[in-house]
Amino acid sequence: MSEYEYRVVVFYCLENTIHKSQKAAGRFFPAYEYTGCYFSRRNDSLARRVCERSKTRRIEAHIKPDGSQPFELERTRSMHYSLFNLVAYFELAQLAEHVNIDLWRYRTKEGAGIKTAFDFLLPYFQDQPWPYPQITPMHHEYDILEKLLRIASIKYQDGQYVDLLHDMSLLHSADRLALLYPVCDK
């Protein structure tokens, strides 16, 4: 067995184990797998398969048409893990662009997608109380939200995300996020 075949087997076993566990860490696995496929061997077809498989194994299986992420909403830090999941989806969507797959705009037959999952959370950062378990205060979540809003404003070209950044005073111009994901002034 070659080193490459060994790594494929290891990835396959790890992916199945993580996928079955329904943990948020499983959502990061396709990004890691993609990175291994694409950058170590420049294997575009394998990287493309990882992205295509993520549509059904990740997005379709873990995001409902209303944008909720049921496995995360059952957890004690449900907002944190819902955002954490979105970080994984955003990373994979950015990587998928390199093999000409648009996960940003992918929707299941029922209408679920990365954007619907993101939009599901936004009202709870504004004026609606979070109705799911969250045993810790949501401080770190605002840092995650800023990054995701910045990326979403660029990828979706949606002014509502820029407006939210301004309205929620989430623009930290001294932060490296401002360099990586600049947003227009209001």
N, C-alpha and C. Protein backbone atom coordinates (compact mmCIF):
# COMPACT_ATOMS: atom_id res chain seq x y z
N MET A 1 0.85 -1.18 0.00
CA MET A 1 0.00 0.00 0.00
C MET A 1 0.89 1.24 0.00
N SER A 2 0.64 2.13 -0.92
CA SER A 2 1.44 3.35 -0.99
C SER A 2 1.05 4.30 0.14
N GLU A 3 1.90 5.29 0.36
CA GLU A 3 1.61 6.29 1.39
C GLU A 3 0.30 7.02 1.07
N TYR A 4 0.09 7.31 -0.19
CA TYR A 4 -1.13 8.00 -0.61
C TYR A 4 -2.37 7.13 -0.31
N GLU A 5 -2.31 5.85 -0.68
CA GLU A 5 -3.44 4.96 -0.40
C GLU A 5 -3.69 4.85 1.10
N TYR A 6 -2.62 4.80 1.87
CA TYR A 6 -2.76 4.74 3.32
C TYR A 6 -3.49 5.98 3.85
N ARG A 7 -3.09 7.14 3.37
CA ARG A 7 -3.74 8.37 3.82
C ARG A 7 -5.21 8.40 3.43
N VAL A 8 -5.54 7.91 2.26
CA VAL A 8 -6.94 7.86 1.83
C VAL A 8 -7.73 6.97 2.78
N VAL A 9 -7.17 5.81 3.13
CA VAL A 9 -7.86 4.89 4.04
C VAL A 9 -8.04 5.56 5.41
N VAL A 10 -7.00 6.20 5.91
CA VAL A 10 -7.08 6.88 7.20
C VAL A 10 -8.14 7.97 7.15
N PHE A 11 -8.11 8.80 6.10
CA PHE A 11 -9.12 9.84 5.95
C PHE A 11 -10.52 9.24 5.93
N TYR A 12 -10.69 8.16 5.20
CA TYR A 12 -11.99 7.51 5.07
C TYR A 12 -12.48 7.03 6.44
N CYS A 13 -11.61 6.37 7.19
CA CYS A 13 -12.00 5.88 8.52
C CYS A 13 -12.31 7.02 9.46
N LEU A 14 -11.46 8.03 9.48
CA LEU A 14 -11.71 9.19 10.35
C LEU A 14 -13.00 9.89 9.97
N GLU A 15 -13.22 10.08 8.68
CA GLU A 15 -14.40 10.79 8.22
C GLU A 15 -15.66 10.04 8.62
N ASN A 16 -15.67 8.73 8.45
CA ASN A 16 -16.84 7.95 8.84
C ASN A 16 -17.09 8.01 10.34
N THR A 17 -16.02 7.94 11.12
CA THR A 17 -16.15 8.02 12.57
C THR A 17 -16.69 9.38 12.99
N ILE A 18 -16.11 10.45 12.46
CA ILE A 18 -16.54 11.80 12.81
C ILE A 18 -17.94 12.06 12.29
N HIS A 19 -18.23 11.62 11.07
CA HIS A 19 -19.54 11.85 10.48
C HIS A 19 -20.63 11.20 11.33
N LYS A 20 -20.38 9.99 11.80
CA LYS A 20 -21.38 9.28 12.59
C LYS A 20 -21.56 9.89 13.96
N SER A 21 -20.56 10.57 14.48
CA SER A 21 -20.65 11.12 15.83
C SER A 21 -21.54 12.36 15.90
N GLN A 22 -21.83 13.01 14.77
CA GLN A 22 -22.68 14.19 14.70
C GLN A 22 -22.09 15.38 15.47
N LYS A 23 -20.82 15.40 15.74
CA LYS A 23 -20.20 16.51 16.44
C LYS A 23 -19.84 17.61 15.45
N ALA A 24 -19.71 18.82 15.97
CA ALA A 24 -19.36 19.95 15.12
C ALA A 24 -18.01 19.75 14.45
N ALA A 25 -17.11 19.04 15.09
CA ALA A 25 -15.80 18.80 14.50
C ALA A 25 -15.91 18.09 13.17
N GLY A 26 -16.96 17.32 12.99
CA GLY A 26 -17.18 16.62 11.73
C GLY A 26 -17.37 17.57 10.57
N ARG A 27 -17.86 18.77 10.83
CA ARG A 27 -18.07 19.73 9.77
C ARG A 27 -16.76 20.29 9.26
N PHE A 28 -15.71 20.25 10.07
CA PHE A 28 -14.40 20.72 9.62
C PHE A 28 -13.68 19.65 8.81
N PHE A 29 -14.06 18.41 8.96
CA PHE A 29 -13.32 17.35 8.29
C PHE A 29 -13.23 17.52 6.79
N PRO A 30 -14.33 17.86 6.07
CA PRO A 30 -14.18 18.02 4.62
C PRO A 30 -13.16 19.09 4.24
N ALA A 31 -13.05 20.14 5.03
CA ALA A 31 -12.05 21.17 4.73
C ALA A 31 -10.64 20.61 4.88
N TYR A 32 -10.43 19.80 5.91
CA TYR A 32 -9.11 19.19 6.09
C TYR A 32 -8.84 18.17 4.98
N GLU A 33 -9.84 17.39 4.66
CA GLU A 33 -9.69 16.39 3.61
C GLU A 33 -9.41 17.07 2.28
N TYR A 34 -10.16 18.12 1.99
CA TYR A 34 -9.96 18.89 0.76
C TYR A 34 -8.52 19.40 0.69
N THR A 35 -8.07 19.99 1.78
CA THR A 35 -6.72 20.56 1.81
C THR A 35 -5.68 19.49 1.51
N GLY A 36 -5.86 18.31 2.12
CA GLY A 36 -4.93 17.22 1.85
C GLY A 36 -4.96 16.80 0.39
N CYS A 37 -6.15 16.69 -0.18
CA CYS A 37 -6.29 16.26 -1.58
C CYS A 37 -5.76 17.31 -2.55
N TYR A 38 -6.13 18.53 -2.32
CA TYR A 38 -5.85 19.59 -3.28
C TYR A 38 -4.39 20.05 -3.23
N PHE A 39 -3.90 20.28 -2.03
CA PHE A 39 -2.59 20.90 -1.93
C PHE A 39 -1.43 19.90 -1.88
N SER A 40 -1.63 18.73 -1.31
CA SER A 40 -0.50 17.81 -1.25
C SER A 40 -0.24 17.13 -2.58
N ARG A 41 -1.27 16.82 -3.32
CA ARG A 41 -1.11 16.13 -4.60
C ARG A 41 -1.65 16.93 -5.77
N ARG A 42 -2.21 18.10 -5.48
CA ARG A 42 -2.85 18.91 -6.51
C ARG A 42 -3.89 18.07 -7.25
N ASN A 43 -4.61 17.27 -6.49
CA ASN A 43 -5.60 16.37 -7.06
C ASN A 43 -6.96 17.06 -7.07
N ASP A 44 -7.22 17.80 -8.14
CA ASP A 44 -8.46 18.57 -8.24
C ASP A 44 -9.70 17.68 -8.25
N SER A 45 -9.62 16.54 -8.92
CA SER A 45 -10.82 15.70 -9.02
C SER A 45 -11.21 15.13 -7.65
N LEU A 46 -10.24 14.74 -6.86
CA LEU A 46 -10.53 14.24 -5.52
C LEU A 46 -11.05 15.38 -4.63
N ALA A 47 -10.45 16.54 -4.73
CA ALA A 47 -10.91 17.70 -3.96
C ALA A 47 -12.33 18.07 -4.37
N ARG A 48 -12.61 17.98 -5.65
CA ARG A 48 -13.96 18.28 -6.16
C ARG A 48 -14.97 17.29 -5.57
N ARG A 49 -14.58 16.00 -5.50
CA ARG A 49 -15.47 14.98 -4.93
C ARG A 49 -15.77 15.26 -3.46
N VAL A 50 -14.76 15.72 -2.73
CA VAL A 50 -14.96 16.06 -1.32
C VAL A 50 -16.02 17.15 -1.20
N CYS A 51 -15.92 18.16 -2.04
CA CYS A 51 -16.88 19.27 -2.01
C CYS A 51 -18.27 18.82 -2.41
N GLU A 52 -18.35 18.02 -3.46
CA GLU A 52 -19.66 17.52 -3.91
C GLU A 52 -20.30 16.65 -2.84
N ARG A 53 -19.50 15.81 -2.22
CA ARG A 53 -20.00 14.92 -1.16
C ARG A 53 -20.49 15.71 0.05
N SER A 54 -19.88 16.86 0.28
CA SER A 54 -20.27 17.70 1.42
C SER A 54 -21.68 18.24 1.26
N LYS A 55 -22.13 18.36 0.03
CA LYS A 55 -23.49 18.85 -0.20
C LYS A 55 -24.51 17.94 0.48
N THR A 56 -24.34 16.63 0.33
CA THR A 56 -25.30 15.71 0.93
C THR A 56 -24.91 15.29 2.34
N ARG A 57 -23.65 15.00 2.56
CA ARG A 57 -23.23 14.52 3.87
C ARG A 57 -23.21 15.60 4.94
N ARG A 58 -23.05 16.82 4.54
CA ARG A 58 -22.95 17.90 5.53
C ARG A 58 -24.13 18.85 5.45
N ILE A 59 -24.26 19.54 4.34
CA ILE A 59 -25.29 20.58 4.24
C ILE A 59 -26.69 19.98 4.32
N GLU A 60 -26.96 19.00 3.48
CA GLU A 60 -28.29 18.40 3.46
C GLU A 60 -28.61 17.67 4.76
N ALA A 61 -27.62 17.03 5.34
CA ALA A 61 -27.85 16.24 6.55
C ALA A 61 -27.91 17.08 7.82
N HIS A 62 -27.34 18.28 7.81
CA HIS A 62 -27.21 19.03 9.06
C HIS A 62 -27.88 20.40 9.08
N ILE A 63 -28.39 20.84 7.95
CA ILE A 63 -29.08 22.14 7.92
C ILE A 63 -30.50 21.91 7.42
N LYS A 64 -31.45 22.39 8.18
CA LYS A 64 -32.87 22.28 7.81
C LYS A 64 -33.24 23.43 6.88
N PRO A 65 -34.36 23.31 6.16
CA PRO A 65 -34.76 24.37 5.22
C PRO A 65 -34.91 25.75 5.86
N ASP A 66 -35.26 25.81 7.14
CA ASP A 66 -35.37 27.11 7.81
C ASP A 66 -34.01 27.67 8.23
N GLY A 67 -32.96 26.88 8.04
CA GLY A 67 -31.61 27.31 8.40
C GLY A 67 -31.14 26.79 9.74
N SER A 68 -32.01 26.17 10.49
CA SER A 68 -31.60 25.66 11.81
C SER A 68 -30.66 24.47 11.63
N GLN A 69 -29.85 24.26 12.64
CA GLN A 69 -28.90 23.15 12.66
C GLN A 69 -29.26 22.28 13.88
N PRO A 70 -30.18 21.34 13.74
CA PRO A 70 -30.75 20.62 14.87
C PRO A 70 -29.75 19.94 15.80
N PHE A 71 -28.69 19.37 15.25
CA PHE A 71 -27.72 18.70 16.11
C PHE A 71 -27.05 19.70 17.05
N GLU A 72 -26.87 20.92 16.59
CA GLU A 72 -26.23 21.94 17.42
C GLU A 72 -27.22 22.58 18.39
N LEU A 73 -28.47 22.68 18.00
CA LEU A 73 -29.47 23.31 18.87
C LEU A 73 -29.78 22.48 20.10
N GLU A 74 -29.43 21.21 20.08
CA GLU A 74 -29.64 20.33 21.24
C GLU A 74 -28.52 20.49 22.27
N ARG A 75 -27.44 21.12 21.90
CA ARG A 75 -26.28 21.20 22.78
C ARG A 75 -26.43 22.31 23.81
N THR A 76 -25.62 22.26 24.85
CA THR A 76 -25.73 23.25 25.93
C THR A 76 -25.20 24.62 25.55
N ARG A 77 -24.38 24.68 24.52
CA ARG A 77 -23.88 25.97 24.00
C ARG A 77 -24.29 26.05 22.53
N SER A 78 -25.58 26.03 22.32
CA SER A 78 -26.13 25.86 20.97
C SER A 78 -25.77 27.00 20.02
N MET A 79 -25.75 28.23 20.49
CA MET A 79 -25.37 29.33 19.60
C MET A 79 -23.90 29.21 19.22
N HIS A 80 -23.08 28.91 20.19
CA HIS A 80 -21.65 28.76 19.92
C HIS A 80 -21.40 27.69 18.87
N TYR A 81 -22.01 26.53 19.04
CA TYR A 81 -21.77 25.45 18.09
C TYR A 81 -22.43 25.68 16.74
N SER A 82 -23.53 26.39 16.72
CA SER A 82 -24.14 26.74 15.43
C SER A 82 -23.21 27.65 14.64
N LEU A 83 -22.60 28.62 15.32
CA LEU A 83 -21.62 29.50 14.65
C LEU A 83 -20.36 28.74 14.28
N PHE A 84 -19.91 27.89 15.19
CA PHE A 84 -18.71 27.08 14.94
C PHE A 84 -18.89 26.24 13.68
N ASN A 85 -20.08 25.66 13.53
CA ASN A 85 -20.39 24.91 12.31
C ASN A 85 -20.27 25.80 11.08
N LEU A 86 -20.80 27.01 11.18
CA LEU A 86 -20.76 27.91 10.04
C LEU A 86 -19.34 28.30 9.68
N VAL A 87 -18.47 28.40 10.65
CA VAL A 87 -17.06 28.66 10.35
C VAL A 87 -16.54 27.53 9.46
N ALA A 88 -16.87 26.30 9.79
CA ALA A 88 -16.43 25.15 8.98
C ALA A 88 -17.03 25.21 7.58
N TYR A 89 -18.32 25.51 7.49
CA TYR A 89 -18.96 25.61 6.17
C TYR A 89 -18.37 26.74 5.35
N PHE A 90 -18.11 27.88 5.98
CA PHE A 90 -17.52 29.01 5.26
C PHE A 90 -16.13 28.64 4.74
N GLU A 91 -15.33 27.97 5.58
CA GLU A 91 -13.99 27.57 5.15
C GLU A 91 -14.06 26.63 3.97
N LEU A 92 -14.95 25.64 4.03
CA LEU A 92 -15.07 24.70 2.93
C LEU A 92 -15.56 25.41 1.67
N ALA A 93 -16.51 26.32 1.81
CA ALA A 93 -17.02 27.05 0.64
C ALA A 93 -15.91 27.87 -0.01
N GLN A 94 -15.05 28.48 0.81
CA GLN A 94 -13.93 29.23 0.25
C GLN A 94 -12.96 28.30 -0.48
N LEU A 95 -12.69 27.15 0.10
CA LEU A 95 -11.79 26.19 -0.55
C LEU A 95 -12.41 25.65 -1.84
N ALA A 96 -13.71 25.39 -1.82
CA ALA A 96 -14.39 24.83 -2.99
C ALA A 96 -14.29 25.74 -4.21
N GLU A 97 -14.15 27.02 -3.98
CA GLU A 97 -14.00 27.96 -5.10
C GLU A 97 -12.81 27.60 -5.98
N HIS A 98 -11.77 27.00 -5.38
CA HIS A 98 -10.56 26.64 -6.13
C HIS A 98 -10.80 25.52 -7.13
N VAL A 99 -11.87 24.77 -6.94
CA VAL A 99 -12.20 23.69 -7.89
C VAL A 99 -13.54 23.98 -8.57
N ASN A 100 -13.88 25.26 -8.62
CA ASN A 100 -15.07 25.75 -9.34
C ASN A 100 -16.39 25.15 -8.85
N ILE A 101 -16.51 24.99 -7.54
CA ILE A 101 -17.77 24.55 -6.94
C ILE A 101 -18.26 25.68 -6.04
N ASP A 102 -19.49 26.09 -6.24
CA ASP A 102 -20.06 27.20 -5.49
C ASP A 102 -20.95 26.67 -4.36
N LEU A 103 -20.35 26.42 -3.21
CA LEU A 103 -21.12 25.99 -2.04
C LEU A 103 -21.84 27.18 -1.40
N TRP A 104 -21.39 28.39 -1.69
CA TRP A 104 -22.05 29.58 -1.12
C TRP A 104 -23.51 29.62 -1.53
N ARG A 105 -23.79 29.29 -2.77
CA ARG A 105 -25.15 29.41 -3.29
C ARG A 105 -25.86 28.07 -3.43
N TYR A 106 -25.20 27.00 -3.04
CA TYR A 106 -25.82 25.68 -3.11
C TYR A 106 -27.00 25.62 -2.14
N ARG A 107 -28.10 25.08 -2.63
CA ARG A 107 -29.29 24.84 -1.81
C ARG A 107 -29.79 23.42 -2.08
N THR A 108 -30.26 22.79 -1.03
CA THR A 108 -30.87 21.47 -1.18
C THR A 108 -32.21 21.64 -1.89
N LYS A 109 -32.83 20.53 -2.24
CA LYS A 109 -34.16 20.60 -2.86
C LYS A 109 -35.15 21.33 -1.95
N GLU A 110 -34.97 21.20 -0.65
CA GLU A 110 -35.87 21.84 0.31
C GLU A 110 -35.51 23.30 0.57
N GLY A 111 -34.35 23.75 0.09
CA GLY A 111 -33.96 25.14 0.23
C GLY A 111 -32.90 25.42 1.29
N ALA A 112 -32.38 24.38 1.93
CA ALA A 112 -31.36 24.58 2.96
C ALA A 112 -30.01 24.86 2.30
N GLY A 113 -29.20 25.68 2.96
CA GLY A 113 -27.88 25.99 2.48
C GLY A 113 -27.10 26.76 3.52
N ILE A 114 -25.89 27.10 3.18
CA ILE A 114 -25.04 27.84 4.12
C ILE A 114 -25.65 29.20 4.43
N LYS A 115 -26.15 29.88 3.43
CA LYS A 115 -26.74 31.20 3.64
C LYS A 115 -27.99 31.12 4.53
N THR A 116 -28.83 30.12 4.32
CA THR A 116 -30.02 30.00 5.17
C THR A 116 -29.63 29.72 6.62
N ALA A 117 -28.58 28.93 6.82
CA ALA A 117 -28.12 28.66 8.18
C ALA A 117 -27.58 29.93 8.84
N PHE A 118 -26.86 30.72 8.07
CA PHE A 118 -26.34 31.98 8.60
C PHE A 118 -27.47 32.96 8.91
N ASP A 119 -28.37 33.10 7.97
CA ASP A 119 -29.49 34.03 8.16
C ASP A 119 -30.39 33.61 9.32
N PHE A 120 -30.48 32.32 9.60
CA PHE A 120 -31.28 31.83 10.72
C PHE A 120 -30.80 32.42 12.05
N LEU A 121 -29.49 32.59 12.19
CA LEU A 121 -28.93 33.05 13.46
C LEU A 121 -29.00 34.56 13.66
N LEU A 122 -29.03 35.31 12.59
CA LEU A 122 -28.88 36.77 12.69
C LEU A 122 -29.92 37.48 13.57
N PRO A 123 -31.19 37.14 13.50
CA PRO A 123 -32.16 37.86 14.35
C PRO A 123 -31.85 37.72 15.84
N TYR A 124 -31.20 36.64 16.22
CA TYR A 124 -30.90 36.41 17.62
C TYR A 124 -29.71 37.24 18.11
N PHE A 125 -29.00 37.84 17.20
CA PHE A 125 -27.94 38.78 17.58
C PHE A 125 -28.46 40.21 17.58
N GLN A 126 -29.70 40.39 17.19
CA GLN A 126 -30.28 41.72 17.13
C GLN A 126 -31.30 41.91 18.26
N ASP A 127 -32.52 41.50 18.03
CA ASP A 127 -33.55 41.81 19.02
C ASP A 127 -34.31 40.61 19.55
N GLN A 128 -34.11 39.45 18.98
CA GLN A 128 -34.84 38.27 19.45
C GLN A 128 -34.03 37.49 20.47
N PRO A 129 -34.67 37.04 21.54
CA PRO A 129 -33.94 36.21 22.51
C PRO A 129 -33.67 34.82 21.93
N TRP A 130 -32.54 34.27 22.27
CA TRP A 130 -32.13 32.94 21.80
C TRP A 130 -32.93 31.90 22.57
N PRO A 131 -33.77 31.10 21.88
CA PRO A 131 -34.66 30.17 22.58
C PRO A 131 -34.07 28.79 22.87
N TYR A 132 -32.80 28.61 22.60
CA TYR A 132 -32.18 27.30 22.76
C TYR A 132 -31.15 27.36 23.88
N PRO A 133 -30.69 26.21 24.36
CA PRO A 133 -29.72 26.21 25.47
C PRO A 133 -28.44 26.96 25.13
N GLN A 134 -27.99 27.78 26.06
CA GLN A 134 -26.71 28.49 25.93
C GLN A 134 -26.25 28.78 27.35
N ILE A 135 -25.46 27.87 27.92
CA ILE A 135 -25.12 27.97 29.34
C ILE A 135 -24.01 28.97 29.63
N THR A 136 -23.38 29.51 28.60
CA THR A 136 -22.33 30.51 28.80
C THR A 136 -22.74 31.80 28.12
N PRO A 137 -22.26 32.93 28.62
CA PRO A 137 -22.57 34.21 27.97
C PRO A 137 -22.00 34.23 26.55
N MET A 138 -22.67 34.97 25.69
CA MET A 138 -22.24 35.01 24.28
C MET A 138 -21.31 36.19 24.04
N HIS A 139 -20.07 36.05 24.48
CA HIS A 139 -19.07 37.10 24.22
C HIS A 139 -18.24 36.74 23.00
N HIS A 140 -17.65 35.56 23.04
CA HIS A 140 -16.79 35.10 21.94
C HIS A 140 -17.59 34.98 20.65
N GLU A 141 -18.87 34.70 20.76
CA GLU A 141 -19.71 34.52 19.58
C GLU A 141 -19.75 35.78 18.71
N TYR A 142 -19.63 36.95 19.33
CA TYR A 142 -19.64 38.20 18.56
C TYR A 142 -18.38 38.34 17.70
N ASP A 143 -17.27 37.82 18.19
CA ASP A 143 -16.04 37.83 17.39
C ASP A 143 -16.20 36.91 16.17
N ILE A 144 -16.78 35.75 16.39
CA ILE A 144 -17.03 34.82 15.29
C ILE A 144 -18.01 35.46 14.31
N LEU A 145 -19.06 36.08 14.84
CA LEU A 145 -20.06 36.70 13.99
C LEU A 145 -19.45 37.79 13.12
N GLU A 146 -18.55 38.59 13.68
CA GLU A 146 -17.92 39.64 12.87
C GLU A 146 -17.22 39.04 11.66
N LYS A 147 -16.44 38.00 11.88
CA LYS A 147 -15.72 37.38 10.77
C LYS A 147 -16.71 36.85 9.73
N LEU A 148 -17.74 36.16 10.17
CA LEU A 148 -18.70 35.58 9.24
C LEU A 148 -19.48 36.67 8.50
N LEU A 149 -19.84 37.74 9.18
CA LEU A 149 -20.53 38.85 8.51
C LEU A 149 -19.65 39.50 7.45
N ARG A 150 -18.38 39.66 7.76
CA ARG A 150 -17.45 40.26 6.80
C ARG A 150 -17.34 39.38 5.55
N ILE A 151 -17.17 38.07 5.76
CA ILE A 151 -17.05 37.16 4.62
C ILE A 151 -18.36 37.12 3.84
N ALA A 152 -19.47 37.01 4.55
CA ALA A 152 -20.78 36.94 3.89
C ALA A 152 -21.07 38.20 3.08
N SER A 153 -20.67 39.35 3.59
CA SER A 153 -20.93 40.59 2.85
C SER A 153 -20.20 40.60 1.51
N ILE A 154 -19.05 39.96 1.46
CA ILE A 154 -18.28 39.88 0.22
C ILE A 154 -18.82 38.77 -0.69
N LYS A 155 -19.05 37.61 -0.14
CA LYS A 155 -19.46 36.47 -0.95
C LYS A 155 -20.88 36.60 -1.49
N TYR A 156 -21.78 37.17 -0.68
CA TYR A 156 -23.17 37.28 -1.11
C TYR A 156 -23.53 38.66 -1.66
N GLN A 157 -22.59 39.60 -1.53
CA GLN A 157 -22.85 40.96 -2.00
C GLN A 157 -24.20 41.47 -1.45
N ASP A 158 -24.39 41.26 -0.16
CA ASP A 158 -25.65 41.60 0.49
C ASP A 158 -25.40 42.71 1.50
N GLY A 159 -25.99 43.86 1.24
CA GLY A 159 -25.79 45.02 2.10
C GLY A 159 -26.30 44.85 3.51
N GLN A 160 -27.23 43.90 3.73
CA GLN A 160 -27.74 43.71 5.09
C GLN A 160 -26.63 43.28 6.04
N TYR A 161 -25.64 42.55 5.54
CA TYR A 161 -24.54 42.11 6.39
C TYR A 161 -23.65 43.27 6.78
N VAL A 162 -23.39 44.17 5.86
CA VAL A 162 -22.60 45.37 6.16
C VAL A 162 -23.36 46.23 7.16
N ASP A 163 -24.67 46.40 6.94
CA ASP A 163 -25.50 47.17 7.86
C ASP A 163 -25.44 46.60 9.27
N LEU A 164 -25.50 45.28 9.38
CA LEU A 164 -25.43 44.65 10.70
C LEU A 164 -24.08 44.90 11.37
N LEU A 165 -23.01 44.81 10.60
CA LEU A 165 -21.69 45.10 11.17
C LEU A 165 -21.65 46.51 11.77
N HIS A 166 -22.22 47.47 11.04
CA HIS A 166 -22.24 48.84 11.53
C HIS A 166 -23.21 49.00 12.70
N ASP A 167 -24.41 48.47 12.56
CA ASP A 167 -25.44 48.61 13.59
C ASP A 167 -25.02 47.97 14.91
N MET A 168 -24.31 46.87 14.83
CA MET A 168 -23.90 46.15 16.03
C MET A 168 -22.53 46.58 16.52
N SER A 169 -21.94 47.59 15.88
CA SER A 169 -20.62 48.09 16.24
C SER A 169 -19.59 46.96 16.29
N LEU A 170 -19.62 46.13 15.27
CA LEU A 170 -18.70 45.00 15.23
C LEU A 170 -17.46 45.27 14.38
N LEU A 171 -17.34 46.48 13.87
CA LEU A 171 -16.18 46.79 13.04
C LEU A 171 -14.99 47.16 13.91
N HIS A 172 -14.01 46.28 13.93
CA HIS A 172 -12.77 46.54 14.66
C HIS A 172 -11.68 46.79 13.63
N SER A 173 -11.54 48.03 13.22
CA SER A 173 -10.67 48.35 12.09
C SER A 173 -9.20 48.01 12.32
N ALA A 174 -8.78 47.89 13.58
CA ALA A 174 -7.38 47.55 13.84
C ALA A 174 -7.15 46.05 13.73
N ASP A 175 -8.19 45.31 13.55
CA ASP A 175 -8.10 43.86 13.49
C ASP A 175 -7.68 43.40 12.10
N ARG A 176 -7.01 42.26 12.01
CA ARG A 176 -6.59 41.75 10.71
C ARG A 176 -7.77 41.37 9.84
N LEU A 177 -8.94 41.14 10.45
CA LEU A 177 -10.14 40.87 9.65
C LEU A 177 -10.44 42.01 8.70
N ALA A 178 -10.14 43.24 9.15
CA ALA A 178 -10.39 44.40 8.31
C ALA A 178 -9.51 44.38 7.06
N LEU A 179 -8.34 43.78 7.18
CA LEU A 179 -7.45 43.67 6.02
C LEU A 179 -7.86 42.52 5.10
N LEU A 180 -8.26 41.41 5.71
CA LEU A 180 -8.63 40.23 4.92
C LEU A 180 -10.01 40.36 4.28
N TYR A 181 -10.95 40.96 5.02
CA TYR A 181 -12.33 41.06 4.55
C TYR A 181 -12.84 42.48 4.76
N PRO A 182 -12.37 43.42 3.95
CA PRO A 182 -12.79 44.82 4.12
C PRO A 182 -14.26 44.99 3.75
N VAL A 183 -14.92 45.88 4.47
CA VAL A 183 -16.31 46.22 4.15
C VAL A 183 -16.40 47.71 3.87
N CYS A 184 -17.39 48.07 3.11
CA CYS A 184 -17.60 49.48 2.76
C CYS A 184 -18.18 50.22 3.95
N ASP A 185 -17.87 51.51 4.00
CA ASP A 185 -18.52 52.35 5.00
C ASP A 185 -19.98 52.50 4.64
N LYS A 186 -20.75 52.77 5.64
CA LYS A 186 -22.18 52.93 5.46
C LYS A 186 -22.49 54.22 4.74
